[in-house]
Protein backbone atom coordinates (compact mmCIF):
# COMPACT_ATOMS: atom_id res chain seq x y z
CA MET A 1 0.00 0.00 0.00
CA SER A 2 1.28 3.45 -0.90
CA PHE A 3 0.26 6.60 0.95
CA LYS A 4 -0.15 9.85 -0.91
CA VAL A 5 0.67 13.15 0.78
CA TYR A 6 0.20 16.54 -0.85
CA VAL A 7 1.97 19.74 0.23
CA ILE A 8 -0.22 22.82 -0.08
CA ASN A 9 1.91 25.94 -0.34
CA GLU A 10 0.30 29.01 1.24
CA ALA A 11 3.56 30.72 2.22
CA GLU A 12 3.84 34.09 0.51
CA SER A 13 7.48 34.51 1.54
CA LEU A 14 8.66 31.52 -0.50
CA LYS A 15 9.21 31.23 -4.22
CA LYS A 16 7.03 28.59 -5.86
CA ASP A 17 10.02 27.02 -7.59
CA ASP A 18 11.85 26.67 -4.25
CA VAL A 19 8.85 24.94 -2.68
CA ARG A 20 8.50 22.59 -5.65
CA ALA A 21 12.21 21.74 -5.40
CA ALA A 22 11.94 21.10 -1.65
CA VAL A 23 8.91 18.85 -2.01
CA LYS A 24 10.68 16.91 -4.76
CA ALA A 25 13.71 16.48 -2.50
CA ILE A 26 11.58 15.31 0.44
CA ALA A 27 9.85 12.85 -1.88
CA LEU A 28 13.31 11.51 -2.73
CA GLN A 29 14.16 11.30 0.98
CA VAL A 30 11.02 9.27 1.65
CA LYS A 31 11.68 6.95 -1.29
CA GLU A 32 15.41 6.34 -0.82
CA HIS A 33 15.95 6.77 2.92
CA PHE A 34 12.75 6.66 4.97
CA ASN A 35 10.93 3.83 3.18
CA PRO A 36 13.89 1.41 3.33
CA ALA A 37 14.18 2.06 7.08
CA TRP A 38 10.50 1.95 8.00
CA GLY A 39 8.80 0.08 5.15
CA ILE A 40 6.40 2.96 4.63
CA ASN A 41 5.86 3.52 0.93
CA ALA A 42 4.56 7.01 0.21
CA ARG A 43 4.40 9.60 -2.53
CA VAL A 44 4.98 13.21 -1.55
CA LEU A 45 3.60 15.65 -4.11
CA ASN A 46 3.04 19.34 -4.73
CA ALA A 47 -0.69 19.97 -4.58
CA PRO A 48 -2.41 21.16 -7.77
CA LYS A 49 -4.47 24.34 -7.84
CA ASP A 50 -7.73 22.41 -7.91
CA LEU A 51 -7.74 20.47 -4.64
CA SER A 52 -11.18 19.00 -5.31
CA LYS A 53 -9.70 16.55 -7.79
CA ILE A 54 -7.06 14.99 -5.57
CA SER A 55 -7.31 11.86 -3.47
CA ALA A 56 -4.95 12.02 -0.51
CA ASP A 57 -4.07 10.22 2.69
CA GLY A 58 -2.44 13.33 4.07
CA LEU A 59 -2.29 17.08 3.51
CA VAL A 60 0.54 19.28 4.77
CA PHE A 61 0.00 23.05 4.74
CA LEU A 62 3.07 25.24 4.35
CA ARG A 63 2.38 28.72 5.75
CA ASP A 64 4.35 31.74 6.90
CA SER A 65 2.82 32.14 10.36
CA PRO A 66 0.44 30.17 12.57
CA PRO A 67 -2.82 31.72 13.73
CA LYS A 68 -2.78 33.48 17.08
CA GLY A 69 -3.05 31.14 20.04
CA ALA A 70 -1.55 28.15 18.23
CA ASP A 71 1.10 25.67 19.51
CA TYR A 72 4.29 24.37 17.75
CA ALA A 73 6.32 24.96 14.60
CA GLY A 74 4.92 22.06 12.77
CA TYR A 75 2.29 19.68 14.00
CA HIS A 76 0.50 16.71 12.62
CA ASP A 77 -2.97 15.66 13.56
CA ARG A 78 -5.92 13.99 11.94
CA ASP A 79 -9.05 15.38 10.38
CA THR A 80 -11.47 13.16 12.28
CA LYS A 81 -14.32 13.81 9.84
CA SER A 82 -12.53 12.78 6.65
CA GLY A 83 -9.85 10.47 8.05
CA ILE A 84 -7.16 12.47 6.25
CA SER A 85 -3.99 13.16 8.22
CA LEU A 86 -3.16 16.85 8.46
CA GLY A 87 0.15 18.61 8.98
CA TYR A 88 1.28 22.22 9.22
CA SER A 89 4.69 23.85 8.89
CA PHE A 90 5.44 27.55 9.44
CA THR A 91 8.35 29.51 7.93
CA LYS A 92 8.29 32.17 10.66
CA ILE A 93 8.85 29.61 13.41
CA SER A 94 11.59 27.95 11.36
CA GLU A 95 13.27 31.35 11.12
CA ASP A 96 13.05 31.82 14.89
CA LEU A 97 14.60 28.38 15.32
CA ASP A 98 17.42 29.31 12.95
CA GLU A 99 16.35 26.29 10.93
CA ASN A 100 15.79 26.07 7.21
CA TRP A 101 12.07 25.85 6.43
CA SER A 102 12.63 22.74 4.31
CA VAL A 103 14.00 20.92 7.38
CA THR A 104 10.84 21.73 9.36
CA LEU A 105 8.71 20.61 6.42
CA SER A 106 10.65 17.36 6.10
CA HIS A 107 10.33 16.77 9.87
CA GLU A 108 6.58 17.26 9.67
CA ILE A 109 6.05 14.99 6.68
CA LEU A 110 8.17 12.14 8.09
CA GLU A 111 6.33 12.23 11.42
CA LEU A 112 2.97 12.34 9.69
CA LEU A 113 3.91 9.24 7.69
CA GLY A 114 5.29 7.41 10.71
CA ASN A 115 2.37 8.11 13.04
CA ARG A 116 -0.52 9.20 10.86
CA HIS A 117 -3.19 9.24 13.54
CA VAL A 118 -0.92 10.35 16.39
CA ASN A 119 -1.76 7.32 18.50
CA TYR A 120 1.34 5.08 18.37
CA TYR A 121 3.56 4.56 21.41
CA ALA A 122 6.61 2.49 22.27
CA LEU A 123 7.35 1.11 25.72
CA GLY A 124 10.71 2.32 26.94
CA PRO A 125 12.68 3.55 29.94
CA HIS A 126 11.86 6.77 31.74
CA PRO A 127 14.68 9.21 30.84
CA THR A 128 15.66 9.87 34.47
CA GLN A 129 13.97 7.18 36.59
CA LYS A 130 14.09 3.37 36.67
CA ARG A 131 10.64 2.53 35.33
CA ILE A 132 8.83 2.10 32.05
CA VAL A 133 6.84 4.81 30.29
CA MET A 134 5.09 5.06 26.91
CA HIS A 135 7.19 7.06 24.48
CA TRP A 136 5.54 8.97 21.66
CA LEU A 137 6.40 7.29 18.37
CA GLU A 138 7.86 10.42 16.77
CA MET A 139 10.43 10.08 14.02
CA CYS A 140 12.44 13.30 14.36
CA ASP A 141 12.09 14.95 17.78
CA ALA A 142 15.08 13.23 19.39
CA VAL A 143 17.34 14.34 16.51
CA GLN A 144 15.46 17.52 15.58
CA SER A 145 18.56 19.76 15.42
CA GLN A 146 20.30 17.56 12.83
CA SER A 147 19.82 17.78 9.06
CA TYR A 148 21.47 16.80 5.79
CA GLU A 149 21.38 17.67 2.09
CA ILE A 150 19.65 15.58 -0.55
CA GLY A 151 19.03 15.84 -4.30
CA LYS A 152 20.81 17.77 -7.02
CA ASP A 153 19.70 21.09 -5.51
CA GLY A 154 21.16 20.23 -2.10
CA VAL A 155 17.88 20.73 -0.23
CA LEU A 156 18.20 20.41 3.53
CA VAL A 157 16.00 17.75 5.15
CA SER A 158 15.58 16.45 8.68
CA ASP A 159 17.44 13.56 10.23
CA PHE A 160 15.12 10.81 11.47
CA LEU A 161 15.05 7.81 13.81
CA THR A 162 14.93 4.21 12.63
CA PRO A 163 12.96 1.34 14.23
CA LEU A 164 16.11 0.24 16.09
CA TYR A 165 15.87 3.39 18.20
CA PHE A 166 12.66 2.05 19.77
CA THR A 167 14.26 -1.19 21.03
CA PRO A 168 14.94 -2.17 24.68
CA GLU A 169 18.68 -2.39 24.10
CA THR A 170 20.88 -0.15 21.97
CA GLU A 171 21.88 -1.85 18.74
CA VAL A 172 25.62 -1.30 18.38
CA SER A 173 26.02 -2.87 14.92
CA LYS A 174 23.42 -0.80 13.11
CA GLY A 175 22.44 2.85 13.20
CA ASN A 176 19.28 3.87 15.03
CA HIS A 177 18.97 7.19 13.23
CA PHE A 178 19.79 8.01 9.63
CA LEU A 179 22.89 10.18 10.06
CA SER A 180 24.69 8.12 12.68
CA GLY A 181 24.33 5.19 15.05
CA LYS A 182 25.83 6.98 18.03
CA LEU A 183 22.61 7.37 19.98
CA ALA A 184 21.22 5.14 22.72
CA SER A 185 17.76 3.64 22.36
CA PHE A 186 15.21 6.18 23.64
CA GLY A 187 18.02 8.72 23.97
CA CYS A 188 18.39 12.30 22.70
CA ALA A 189 20.97 13.90 20.46
CA ARG A 190 22.11 17.42 21.24
CA GLY A 191 19.27 19.85 20.71
CA GLY A 192 16.71 17.02 20.73
CA TYR A 193 13.88 16.10 23.04
CA LEU A 194 11.49 13.25 23.60
CA GLY A 195 7.90 13.04 24.77
CA PHE A 196 6.21 10.27 26.68
CA TRP A 197 3.04 9.38 28.55
CA ASP A 198 3.76 8.51 32.17
CA PRO A 199 1.40 5.87 33.64
CA LYS A 200 2.38 6.98 37.15
CA THR A 201 1.26 10.58 36.67
CA GLY A 202 -1.26 9.98 33.88
CA LYS A 203 0.21 12.89 31.93
CA ASP A 204 2.27 13.60 28.83
CA GLN A 205 5.75 14.83 29.70
CA ASN A 206 8.88 16.03 27.90
CA TYR A 207 12.58 15.44 28.43
CA PHE A 208 15.16 17.81 26.92
CA ALA A 209 18.70 16.82 26.03
CA ASP A 210 20.07 20.28 26.84
CA LYS A 211 19.25 23.98 27.16
CA LYS A 212 19.26 24.32 23.36
CA ALA A 213 16.52 21.71 23.08
CA GLU A 214 14.46 23.40 25.77
CA LYS A 215 14.85 26.76 24.03
CA ARG A 216 13.80 25.26 20.68
CA TYR A 217 10.75 23.72 22.32
CA SER A 218 9.84 27.07 23.88
CA ILE A 219 10.04 28.77 20.48
CA LYS A 220 7.93 26.09 18.86
CA LYS A 221 5.31 26.24 21.57
CA LYS A 222 4.61 29.89 20.78
CA SER A 223 2.91 28.90 17.53
CA GLY A 224 0.10 27.23 19.51
CA LEU A 225 -1.28 24.83 16.92
CA PHE A 226 0.12 21.54 18.14
CA ARG A 227 -2.55 19.12 19.24
CA ARG A 228 -2.30 15.45 20.16
CA ARG A 229 -5.95 14.40 20.18
CA ALA A 230 -5.20 10.71 20.24
CA ARG A 231 -2.63 10.60 23.01
CA LEU A 232 -3.30 7.81 25.48
CA SER A 233 -4.14 10.25 28.28
CA GLU A 234 -7.10 11.44 26.19
CA ILE A 235 -8.09 8.00 24.93
CA LEU A 236 -8.42 6.75 28.50
CA LYS A 237 -11.02 9.41 29.25
CA GLY A 238 -13.51 7.33 27.26
CA PHE A 239 -13.09 4.27 29.50
């Protein structure tokens, strides 16, 4: 099965040709890097002008600024009425992060593909205590400050985790994120963070690798559009 994700460009600050080149590069990243690691076959496409004629599994909106009162630089959620996964990426927040907008867009698309309905978790160790918690299955957060170039235009895209990252023991023979294997399972690279649901407190929590990660998170949070409707803490309210 192949997923189809369209990028809808609504960012006035970006040239259309640059957006088309970035989307093409991210499509190459998904095909040549992400799919071999995760077995998630997907097409990433620039949306046509007439959206009524497309059939999509996901839509990612590229905009300059989030609406007032939003939360996070990019976020992915699900349109519960149509079943289509939705994502947003904002150039203004990328600028505040000192991050290329194409990296934020790549981050958002990879995480949408890896956890389309924002309801996957992986059991793993608490980052500071000796007990098990439920880590968010997010593909880029732990390595969010790392990026690399891809394609003939040298477009910057986000580093991402591989399935070996979400294993009880660190795999020393194989990499657990694309750029390097030097990261412990359920660990954080510099500038990265991880989120988890704690059964003891019944709440979602975050762990930051360093002050840089905490600062990046603070900047992202200002956008206010990040929602995790399907997190376990909300699912349990129905039981």
